[in-house]
């Protein structure tokens, strides 16, 4: 049997997966992927994403406003996020964050949204799920400032930023999540960042349907493929695959505590 691992970040409500979830979850199980967190990126879609978790035992969910949508969606409120977090399988706040690559003109709105999500993470004790692209300096500043104002937990989802942001996040006790990008042949610098990170602060994910790792690069990603990323991660960290899988499982359950102790929610 394959070692058990978790896809800590995917988007199962996206149209690329319509009508396929039972087969997709079956393929994931064959690859050792026994659990996954599907992420709601627009709060108006929360009922549909919640329903996926209710219909499929291995599926948990998180909700937030993606930074690239922050200017187009109603501003989330802390109360709204807290209400969603009452659901027993709602396990994280986000994804939220900053993305200046395509949507830098909305940076002020993105920063306001991010701070609201951080406060919701504080109040619910659920982990914050961060998306960061081309905004390393502002991201590090906000994460530090907000942490000084009150502690919270956090994962830097699909981490592919620079070493300075990685170090800032790790200094705050946060986690780095490895996506298929870390398995790309030219991602040596990124793999080095993960290799230098504490072993108890690393997760794995697909970000499906995006960023499929080799040998599926360029195709639709799905939770089963996180096993390929995990094998690349094990090699980068000079660990046996079973050891790496067990370590990331323990890390996931420590951060996403509600997946194992839902009664606290």
C-alpha atoms as a PDB file:
ATOM      1  CA  UNK A   1       0.000   0.000   0.000  1.00  0.00           C
ATOM      2  CA  UNK A   2       1.127   3.550  -0.716  1.00  0.00           C
ATOM      3  CA  UNK A   3       1.911   5.754   2.316  1.00  0.00           C
ATOM      4  CA  UNK A   4      -1.034   7.951   3.270  1.00  0.00           C
ATOM      5  CA  UNK A   5      -0.768  11.627   2.350  1.00  0.00           C
ATOM      6  CA  UNK A   6      -3.074  14.641   2.189  1.00  0.00           C
ATOM      7  CA  UNK A   7      -3.682  17.100  -0.632  1.00  0.00           C
ATOM      8  CA  UNK A   8      -3.836  20.212   1.535  1.00  0.00           C
ATOM      9  CA  UNK A   9      -5.122  22.550  -1.196  1.00  0.00           C
ATOM     10  CA  UNK A  10      -7.275  21.900  -4.269  1.00  0.00           C
ATOM     11  CA  UNK A  11     -10.362  23.338  -5.973  1.00  0.00           C
ATOM     12  CA  UNK A  12     -12.820  20.506  -6.478  1.00  0.00           C
ATOM     13  CA  UNK A  13     -15.725  22.851  -7.225  1.00  0.00           C
ATOM     14  CA  UNK A  14     -14.060  24.137 -10.399  1.00  0.00           C
ATOM     15  CA  UNK A  15     -15.758  23.166 -13.667  1.00  0.00           C
ATOM     16  CA  UNK A  16     -12.799  21.008 -14.734  1.00  0.00           C
ATOM     17  CA  UNK A  17     -14.000  18.371 -12.259  1.00  0.00           C
ATOM     18  CA  UNK A  18     -17.738  18.507 -12.843  1.00  0.00           C
ATOM     19  CA  UNK A  19     -19.331  15.064 -12.566  1.00  0.00           C
ATOM     20  CA  UNK A  20     -16.015  13.353 -11.807  1.00  0.00           C
ATOM     21  CA  UNK A  21     -15.603  13.527  -8.064  1.00  0.00           C
ATOM     22  CA  UNK A  22     -16.275   9.872  -7.181  1.00  0.00           C
ATOM     23  CA  UNK A  23     -13.738   8.684  -9.765  1.00  0.00           C
ATOM     24  CA  UNK A  24     -11.281  11.432  -8.819  1.00  0.00           C
ATOM     25  CA  UNK A  25     -11.451  10.503  -5.138  1.00  0.00           C
ATOM     26  CA  UNK A  26     -11.012   6.854  -6.071  1.00  0.00           C
ATOM     27  CA  UNK A  27      -7.865   7.601  -8.077  1.00  0.00           C
ATOM     28  CA  UNK A  28      -6.551   9.647  -5.184  1.00  0.00           C
ATOM     29  CA  UNK A  29      -7.081   6.759  -2.765  1.00  0.00           C
ATOM     30  CA  UNK A  30      -5.177   4.415  -5.071  1.00  0.00           C
ATOM     31  CA  UNK A  31      -2.238   6.846  -4.922  1.00  0.00           C
ATOM     32  CA  UNK A  32      -2.371   6.970  -1.119  1.00  0.00           C
ATOM     33  CA  UNK A  33      -4.132  10.356  -0.981  1.00  0.00           C
ATOM     34  CA  UNK A  34      -6.746   9.713   1.680  1.00  0.00           C
ATOM     35  CA  UNK A  35      -7.804  13.287   2.430  1.00  0.00           C
ATOM     36  CA  UNK A  36      -8.048  16.643   0.671  1.00  0.00           C
ATOM     37  CA  UNK A  37      -9.018  20.232   1.434  1.00  0.00           C
ATOM     38  CA  UNK A  38     -11.021  21.976  -1.271  1.00  0.00           C
ATOM     39  CA  UNK A  39     -10.795  25.747  -1.213  1.00  0.00           C
ATOM     40  CA  UNK A  40     -13.666  28.175  -1.774  1.00  0.00           C
ATOM     41  CA  UNK A  41     -12.260  31.338  -3.395  1.00  0.00           C
ATOM     42  CA  UNK A  42     -15.458  33.410  -3.513  1.00  0.00           C
ATOM     43  CA  UNK A  43     -17.708  33.360  -0.456  1.00  0.00           C
ATOM     44  CA  UNK A  44     -20.897  33.290  -2.528  1.00  0.00           C
ATOM     45  CA  UNK A  45     -19.808  29.815  -3.629  1.00  0.00           C
ATOM     46  CA  UNK A  46     -19.454  28.555  -0.055  1.00  0.00           C
ATOM     47  CA  UNK A  47     -22.729  26.565  -0.007  1.00  0.00           C
ATOM     48  CA  UNK A  48     -21.655  24.514  -3.032  1.00  0.00           C
ATOM     49  CA  UNK A  49     -18.178  23.888  -1.651  1.00  0.00           C
ATOM     50  CA  UNK A  50     -19.578  22.949   1.751  1.00  0.00           C
ATOM     51  CA  UNK A  51     -21.923  20.480   0.033  1.00  0.00           C
ATOM     52  CA  UNK A  52     -18.938  18.726  -1.591  1.00  0.00           C
ATOM     53  CA  UNK A  53     -17.440  18.106   1.835  1.00  0.00           C
ATOM     54  CA  UNK A  54     -20.735  16.798   3.126  1.00  0.00           C
ATOM     55  CA  UNK A  55     -21.124  14.396   0.190  1.00  0.00           C
ATOM     56  CA  UNK A  56     -17.587  12.971   0.283  1.00  0.00           C
ATOM     57  CA  UNK A  57     -15.966  11.763   3.495  1.00  0.00           C
ATOM     58  CA  UNK A  58     -12.325  12.449   2.465  1.00  0.00           C
ATOM     59  CA  UNK A  59     -13.096  16.079   1.539  1.00  0.00           C
ATOM     60  CA  UNK A  60     -12.742  19.021   3.925  1.00  0.00           C
ATOM     61  CA  UNK A  61     -13.089  22.669   2.947  1.00  0.00           C
ATOM     62  CA  UNK A  62     -11.888  26.198   3.590  1.00  0.00           C
ATOM     63  CA  UNK A  63     -13.298  29.534   2.498  1.00  0.00           C
ATOM     64  CA  UNK A  64     -12.125  33.045   1.769  1.00  0.00           C
ATOM     65  CA  UNK A  65     -11.885  35.687  -0.935  1.00  0.00           C
ATOM     66  CA  UNK A  66      -8.990  35.130  -3.319  1.00  0.00           C
ATOM     67  CA  UNK A  67      -6.879  38.303  -3.654  1.00  0.00           C
ATOM     68  CA  UNK A  68      -7.342  38.368  -7.427  1.00  0.00           C
ATOM     69  CA  UNK A  69     -11.112  38.567  -6.819  1.00  0.00           C
ATOM     70  CA  UNK A  70     -10.999  40.979  -3.876  1.00  0.00           C
ATOM     71  CA  UNK A  71     -11.943  44.013  -5.963  1.00  0.00           C
ATOM     72  CA  UNK A  72     -14.811  42.201  -7.679  1.00  0.00           C
ATOM     73  CA  UNK A  73     -16.455  40.544  -4.684  1.00  0.00           C
ATOM     74  CA  UNK A  74     -18.230  42.039  -1.657  1.00  0.00           C
ATOM     75  CA  UNK A  75     -15.707  42.609   1.128  1.00  0.00           C
ATOM     76  CA  UNK A  76     -15.775  39.683   3.517  1.00  0.00           C
ATOM     77  CA  UNK A  77     -16.546  40.337   7.163  1.00  0.00           C
ATOM     78  CA  UNK A  78     -15.072  38.655  10.190  1.00  0.00           C
ATOM     79  CA  UNK A  79     -18.565  37.654  11.305  1.00  0.00           C
ATOM     80  CA  UNK A  80     -19.277  36.043   7.932  1.00  0.00           C
ATOM     81  CA  UNK A  81     -16.081  33.994   8.071  1.00  0.00           C
ATOM     82  CA  UNK A  82     -16.740  32.999  11.680  1.00  0.00           C
ATOM     83  CA  UNK A  83     -20.213  31.780  10.739  1.00  0.00           C
ATOM     84  CA  UNK A  84     -18.820  29.620   7.922  1.00  0.00           C
ATOM     85  CA  UNK A  85     -16.198  28.224  10.303  1.00  0.00           C
ATOM     86  CA  UNK A  86     -18.922  26.758  12.502  1.00  0.00           C
ATOM     87  CA  UNK A  87     -19.374  23.946   9.990  1.00  0.00           C
ATOM     88  CA  UNK A  88     -17.656  20.778  11.270  1.00  0.00           C
ATOM     89  CA  UNK A  89     -15.669  20.203   8.063  1.00  0.00           C
ATOM     90  CA  UNK A  90     -14.662  23.840   7.485  1.00  0.00           C
ATOM     91  CA  UNK A  91     -11.003  23.742   8.490  1.00  0.00           C
ATOM     92  CA  UNK A  92      -9.233  26.925   7.288  1.00  0.00           C
ATOM     93  CA  UNK A  93      -9.616  30.629   6.497  1.00  0.00           C
ATOM     94  CA  UNK A  94      -8.762  31.501   2.896  1.00  0.00           C
ATOM     95  CA  UNK A  95      -7.321  31.457   0.493  1.00  0.00           C
ATOM     96  CA  UNK A  96      -6.535  35.100   0.958  1.00  0.00           C
ATOM     97  CA  UNK A  97      -3.364  37.096   0.433  1.00  0.00           C
ATOM     98  CA  UNK A  98      -1.771  39.444  -2.077  1.00  0.00           C
ATOM     99  CA  UNK A  99      -1.314  39.056  -5.821  1.00  0.00           C
ATOM    100  CA  UNK A 100       0.311  41.986  -7.609  1.00  0.00           C
ATOM    101  CA  UNK A 101       1.175  40.010 -10.746  1.00  0.00           C
ATOM    102  CA  UNK A 102      -2.078  40.687 -12.592  1.00  0.00           C
ATOM    103  CA  UNK A 103      -4.085  42.645 -10.033  1.00  0.00           C
ATOM    104  CA  UNK A 104      -1.623  45.091  -8.506  1.00  0.00           C
ATOM    105  CA  UNK A 105      -4.045  47.947  -9.141  1.00  0.00           C
ATOM    106  CA  UNK A 106      -6.254  46.563  -6.353  1.00  0.00           C
ATOM    107  CA  UNK A 107      -3.476  46.206  -3.764  1.00  0.00           C
ATOM    108  CA  UNK A 108      -5.253  48.426  -1.233  1.00  0.00           C
ATOM    109  CA  UNK A 109      -8.424  46.308  -1.376  1.00  0.00           C
ATOM    110  CA  UNK A 110      -6.369  43.132  -1.206  1.00  0.00           C
ATOM    111  CA  UNK A 111      -4.569  44.315   1.914  1.00  0.00           C
ATOM    112  CA  UNK A 112      -7.846  45.240   3.615  1.00  0.00           C
ATOM    113  CA  UNK A 113      -9.306  41.837   2.756  1.00  0.00           C
ATOM    114  CA  UNK A 114      -6.186  40.062   4.005  1.00  0.00           C
ATOM    115  CA  UNK A 115      -6.347  41.767   7.391  1.00  0.00           C
ATOM    116  CA  UNK A 116     -10.012  40.799   7.775  1.00  0.00           C
ATOM    117  CA  UNK A 117      -9.152  37.172   7.071  1.00  0.00           C
ATOM    118  CA  UNK A 118      -6.295  37.297   9.581  1.00  0.00           C
ATOM    119  CA  UNK A 119      -8.654  38.518  12.289  1.00  0.00           C
ATOM    120  CA  UNK A 120     -11.072  35.690  11.441  1.00  0.00           C
ATOM    121  CA  UNK A 121      -8.211  33.204  11.728  1.00  0.00           C
ATOM    122  CA  UNK A 122      -7.360  34.596  15.158  1.00  0.00           C
ATOM    123  CA  UNK A 123     -10.940  34.378  16.405  1.00  0.00           C
ATOM    124  CA  UNK A 124     -11.606  30.871  15.069  1.00  0.00           C
ATOM    125  CA  UNK A 125      -8.116  29.436  15.749  1.00  0.00           C
ATOM    126  CA  UNK A 126      -8.235  28.049  12.209  1.00  0.00           C
ATOM    127  CA  UNK A 127      -5.162  28.323   9.977  1.00  0.00           C
ATOM    128  CA  UNK A 128      -4.914  31.167   7.521  1.00  0.00           C
ATOM    129  CA  UNK A 129      -4.279  30.041   3.922  1.00  0.00           C
ATOM    130  CA  UNK A 130      -2.104  32.553   2.074  1.00  0.00           C
ATOM    131  CA  UNK A 131      -1.681  33.148  -1.654  1.00  0.00           C
ATOM    132  CA  UNK A 132       1.315  35.383  -2.410  1.00  0.00           C
ATOM    133  CA  UNK A 133       2.598  36.418  -5.828  1.00  0.00           C
ATOM    134  CA  UNK A 134       4.873  39.325  -6.686  1.00  0.00           C
ATOM    135  CA  UNK A 135       4.108  40.915  -3.308  1.00  0.00           C
ATOM    136  CA  UNK A 136       6.794  39.481  -1.027  1.00  0.00           C
ATOM    137  CA  UNK A 137       7.729  42.680   0.810  1.00  0.00           C
ATOM    138  CA  UNK A 138       4.176  43.801   1.576  1.00  0.00           C
ATOM    139  CA  UNK A 139       3.205  40.250   2.501  1.00  0.00           C
ATOM    140  CA  UNK A 140       6.046  39.871   5.001  1.00  0.00           C
ATOM    141  CA  UNK A 141       5.268  43.267   6.525  1.00  0.00           C
ATOM    142  CA  UNK A 142       1.558  42.550   7.007  1.00  0.00           C
ATOM    143  CA  UNK A 143       2.118  39.048   8.361  1.00  0.00           C
ATOM    144  CA  UNK A 144       4.634  40.366  10.920  1.00  0.00           C
ATOM    145  CA  UNK A 145       2.563  43.393  11.928  1.00  0.00           C
ATOM    146  CA  UNK A 146      -0.590  41.357  12.366  1.00  0.00           C
ATOM    147  CA  UNK A 147       1.229  38.630  14.287  1.00  0.00           C
ATOM    148  CA  UNK A 148       2.530  41.233  16.737  1.00  0.00           C
ATOM    149  CA  UNK A 149      -1.068  42.370  17.197  1.00  0.00           C
ATOM    150  CA  UNK A 150      -2.207  38.837  18.015  1.00  0.00           C
ATOM    151  CA  UNK A 151      -0.937  35.367  17.162  1.00  0.00           C
ATOM    152  CA  UNK A 152      -2.502  33.192  14.470  1.00  0.00           C
ATOM    153  CA  UNK A 153      -1.474  30.126  12.473  1.00  0.00           C
ATOM    154  CA  UNK A 154      -0.840  30.150   8.741  1.00  0.00           C
ATOM    155  CA  UNK A 155       0.285  28.201   5.679  1.00  0.00           C
ATOM    156  CA  UNK A 156       1.926  29.811   2.672  1.00  0.00           C
ATOM    157  CA  UNK A 157       0.018  27.866   0.041  1.00  0.00           C
ATOM    158  CA  UNK A 158       1.762  26.838  -3.187  1.00  0.00           C
ATOM    159  CA  UNK A 159       4.910  28.525  -1.946  1.00  0.00           C
ATOM    160  CA  UNK A 160       7.012  29.763  -4.854  1.00  0.00           C
ATOM    161  CA  UNK A 161       8.214  33.138  -3.575  1.00  0.00           C
ATOM    162  CA  UNK A 162      11.717  34.137  -2.560  1.00  0.00           C
ATOM    163  CA  UNK A 163      13.820  33.007   0.358  1.00  0.00           C
ATOM    164  CA  UNK A 164      13.213  36.217   2.347  1.00  0.00           C
ATOM    165  CA  UNK A 165       9.449  35.620   2.496  1.00  0.00           C
ATOM    166  CA  UNK A 166      10.013  31.962   3.371  1.00  0.00           C
ATOM    167  CA  UNK A 167      12.250  32.953   6.262  1.00  0.00           C
ATOM    168  CA  UNK A 168       9.794  35.606   7.450  1.00  0.00           C
ATOM    169  CA  UNK A 169       6.963  33.064   7.476  1.00  0.00           C
ATOM    170  CA  UNK A 170       9.009  30.391   9.210  1.00  0.00           C
ATOM    171  CA  UNK A 171      10.174  32.848  11.878  1.00  0.00           C
ATOM    172  CA  UNK A 172       6.509  33.428  12.731  1.00  0.00           C
ATOM    173  CA  UNK A 173       5.931  29.685  13.107  1.00  0.00           C
ATOM    174  CA  UNK A 174       4.085  29.368   9.805  1.00  0.00           C
ATOM    175  CA  UNK A 175       4.150  26.508   7.297  1.00  0.00           C
ATOM    176  CA  UNK A 176       5.252  26.284   3.654  1.00  0.00           C
ATOM    177  CA  UNK A 177       3.219  24.156   1.246  1.00  0.00           C
ATOM    178  CA  UNK A 178       4.909  22.428  -1.669  1.00  0.00           C
ATOM    179  CA  UNK A 179       3.018  22.316  -4.970  1.00  0.00           C
ATOM    180  CA  UNK A 180       3.850  20.808  -8.344  1.00  0.00           C
ATOM    181  CA  UNK A 181       6.086  23.811  -9.055  1.00  0.00           C
ATOM    182  CA  UNK A 182       8.620  22.344  -6.639  1.00  0.00           C
ATOM    183  CA  UNK A 183       8.821  19.245  -8.830  1.00  0.00           C
ATOM    184  CA  UNK A 184       9.570  21.156 -12.047  1.00  0.00           C
ATOM    185  CA  UNK A 185      13.100  20.448 -13.319  1.00  0.00           C
ATOM    186  CA  UNK A 186      14.222  24.089 -13.145  1.00  0.00           C
ATOM    187  CA  UNK A 187      12.917  24.716  -9.604  1.00  0.00           C
ATOM    188  CA  UNK A 188      16.247  24.045  -7.928  1.00  0.00           C
ATOM    189  CA  UNK A 189      16.211  27.273  -5.911  1.00  0.00           C
ATOM    190  CA  UNK A 190      12.702  26.563  -4.647  1.00  0.00           C
ATOM    191  CA  UNK A 191      13.636  23.012  -3.653  1.00  0.00           C
ATOM    192  CA  UNK A 192      16.612  24.429  -1.765  1.00  0.00           C
ATOM    193  CA  UNK A 193      14.281  26.695   0.224  1.00  0.00           C
ATOM    194  CA  UNK A 194      12.184  23.705   1.235  1.00  0.00           C
ATOM    195  CA  UNK A 195      15.300  21.657   2.023  1.00  0.00           C
ATOM    196  CA  UNK A 196      16.430  24.381   4.432  1.00  0.00           C
ATOM    197  CA  UNK A 197      13.031  24.666   6.137  1.00  0.00           C
ATOM    198  CA  UNK A 198      12.242  22.817   9.376  1.00  0.00           C
ATOM    199  CA  UNK A 199      10.876  19.364   8.562  1.00  0.00           C
ATOM    200  CA  UNK A 200       7.894  19.964  10.833  1.00  0.00           C
ATOM    201  CA  UNK A 201       6.751  22.990   8.820  1.00  0.00           C
ATOM    202  CA  UNK A 202       6.181  21.496   5.346  1.00  0.00           C
ATOM    203  CA  UNK A 203       2.926  20.460   3.655  1.00  0.00           C
ATOM    204  CA  UNK A 204       2.131  19.180   0.155  1.00  0.00           C
ATOM    205  CA  UNK A 205      -0.678  20.139  -2.197  1.00  0.00           C
ATOM    206  CA  UNK A 206      -1.818  20.115  -5.810  1.00  0.00           C
ATOM    207  CA  UNK A 207      -3.674  23.426  -6.257  1.00  0.00           C
ATOM    208  CA  UNK A 208      -5.676  21.284  -8.683  1.00  0.00           C
ATOM    209  CA  UNK A 209      -6.729  21.749 -11.421  1.00  0.00           C
ATOM    210  CA  UNK A 210      -3.564  23.830 -11.859  1.00  0.00           C
ATOM    211  CA  UNK A 211       0.196  23.178 -11.721  1.00  0.00           C
ATOM    212  CA  UNK A 212       0.345  19.448 -12.365  1.00  0.00           C
ATOM    213  CA  UNK A 213       3.764  18.005 -11.475  1.00  0.00           C
ATOM    214  CA  UNK A 214       5.800  15.840 -13.833  1.00  0.00           C
ATOM    215  CA  UNK A 215       4.975  13.463 -15.476  1.00  0.00           C
ATOM    216  CA  UNK A 216       1.601  15.231 -15.913  1.00  0.00           C
ATOM    217  CA  UNK A 217       2.904  18.779 -16.366  1.00  0.00           C
ATOM    218  CA  UNK A 218       0.732  20.817 -18.727  1.00  0.00           C
ATOM    219  CA  UNK A 219      -2.300  18.614 -18.094  1.00  0.00           C
ATOM    220  CA  UNK A 220      -5.172  18.998 -15.663  1.00  0.00           C
ATOM    221  CA  UNK A 221      -3.987  18.425 -12.116  1.00  0.00           C
ATOM    222  CA  UNK A 222      -5.913  16.334  -9.601  1.00  0.00           C
ATOM    223  CA  UNK A 223      -5.420  15.223  -5.971  1.00  0.00           C
ATOM    224  CA  UNK A 224      -3.853  11.868  -6.891  1.00  0.00           C
ATOM    225  CA  UNK A 225      -0.918  13.723  -8.435  1.00  0.00           C
ATOM    226  CA  UNK A 226       0.185  15.160  -5.097  1.00  0.00           C
ATOM    227  CA  UNK A 227       2.015  11.862  -4.668  1.00  0.00           C
ATOM    228  CA  UNK A 228       4.414  12.923  -7.444  1.00  0.00           C
ATOM    229  CA  UNK A 229       5.101  16.222  -5.691  1.00  0.00           C
ATOM    230  CA  UNK A 230       5.629  14.395  -2.407  1.00  0.00           C
ATOM    231  CA  UNK A 231       8.176  12.068  -4.015  1.00  0.00           C
ATOM    232  CA  UNK A 232      10.048  15.089  -5.385  1.00  0.00           C
ATOM    233  CA  UNK A 233       9.888  16.626  -1.927  1.00  0.00           C
ATOM    234  CA  UNK A 234      11.272  13.521  -0.292  1.00  0.00           C
ATOM    235  CA  UNK A 235      14.176  13.522  -2.724  1.00  0.00           C
ATOM    236  CA  UNK A 236      14.869  17.237  -2.158  1.00  0.00           C
ATOM    237  CA  UNK A 237      14.904  16.733   1.599  1.00  0.00           C
ATOM    238  CA  UNK A 238      16.940  13.504   1.347  1.00  0.00           C
ATOM    239  CA  UNK A 239      14.192  11.543   3.057  1.00  0.00           C
ATOM    240  CA  UNK A 240      12.599   8.173   2.409  1.00  0.00           C
ATOM    241  CA  UNK A 241       9.200   8.674   0.779  1.00  0.00           C
ATOM    242  CA  UNK A 242       7.328   6.908   3.579  1.00  0.00           C
ATOM    243  CA  UNK A 243       9.135   9.068   6.139  1.00  0.00           C
ATOM    244  CA  UNK A 244       8.347  12.246   4.199  1.00  0.00           C
ATOM    245  CA  UNK A 245       4.695  11.234   3.862  1.00  0.00           C
ATOM    246  CA  UNK A 246       4.407  10.541   7.592  1.00  0.00           C
ATOM    247  CA  UNK A 247       6.063  13.841   8.425  1.00  0.00           C
ATOM    248  CA  UNK A 248       3.774  15.903   6.194  1.00  0.00           C
ATOM    249  CA  UNK A 249       0.748  14.054   7.570  1.00  0.00           C
ATOM    250  CA  UNK A 250       1.730  14.973  11.112  1.00  0.00           C
ATOM    251  CA  UNK A 251       2.349  18.560  10.034  1.00  0.00           C
ATOM    252  CA  UNK A 252      -1.016  18.788   8.306  1.00  0.00           C
ATOM    253  CA  UNK A 253      -2.910  17.443  11.309  1.00  0.00           C
ATOM    254  CA  UNK A 254      -1.109  19.809  13.677  1.00  0.00           C
ATOM    255  CA  UNK A 255      -2.016  22.838  11.570  1.00  0.00           C
ATOM    256  CA  UNK A 256      -5.427  21.749  10.291  1.00  0.00           C
ATOM    257  CA  UNK A 257      -6.401  20.411  13.712  1.00  0.00           C
ATOM    258  CA  UNK A 258     -10.093  20.341  12.886  1.00  0.00           C
ATOM    259  CA  UNK A 259      -9.614  17.484  10.420  1.00  0.00           C
ATOM    260  CA  UNK A 260      -8.890  15.220  13.407  1.00  0.00           C
ATOM    261  CA  UNK A 261     -10.717  17.002  16.251  1.00  0.00           C
ATOM    262  CA  UNK A 262     -13.860  18.505  14.710  1.00  0.00           C
ATOM    263  CA  UNK A 263     -15.555  18.721  18.105  1.00  0.00           C
ATOM    264  CA  UNK A 264     -13.409  21.792  18.850  1.00  0.00           C
ATOM    265  CA  UNK A 265     -15.055  23.689  15.993  1.00  0.00           C
END
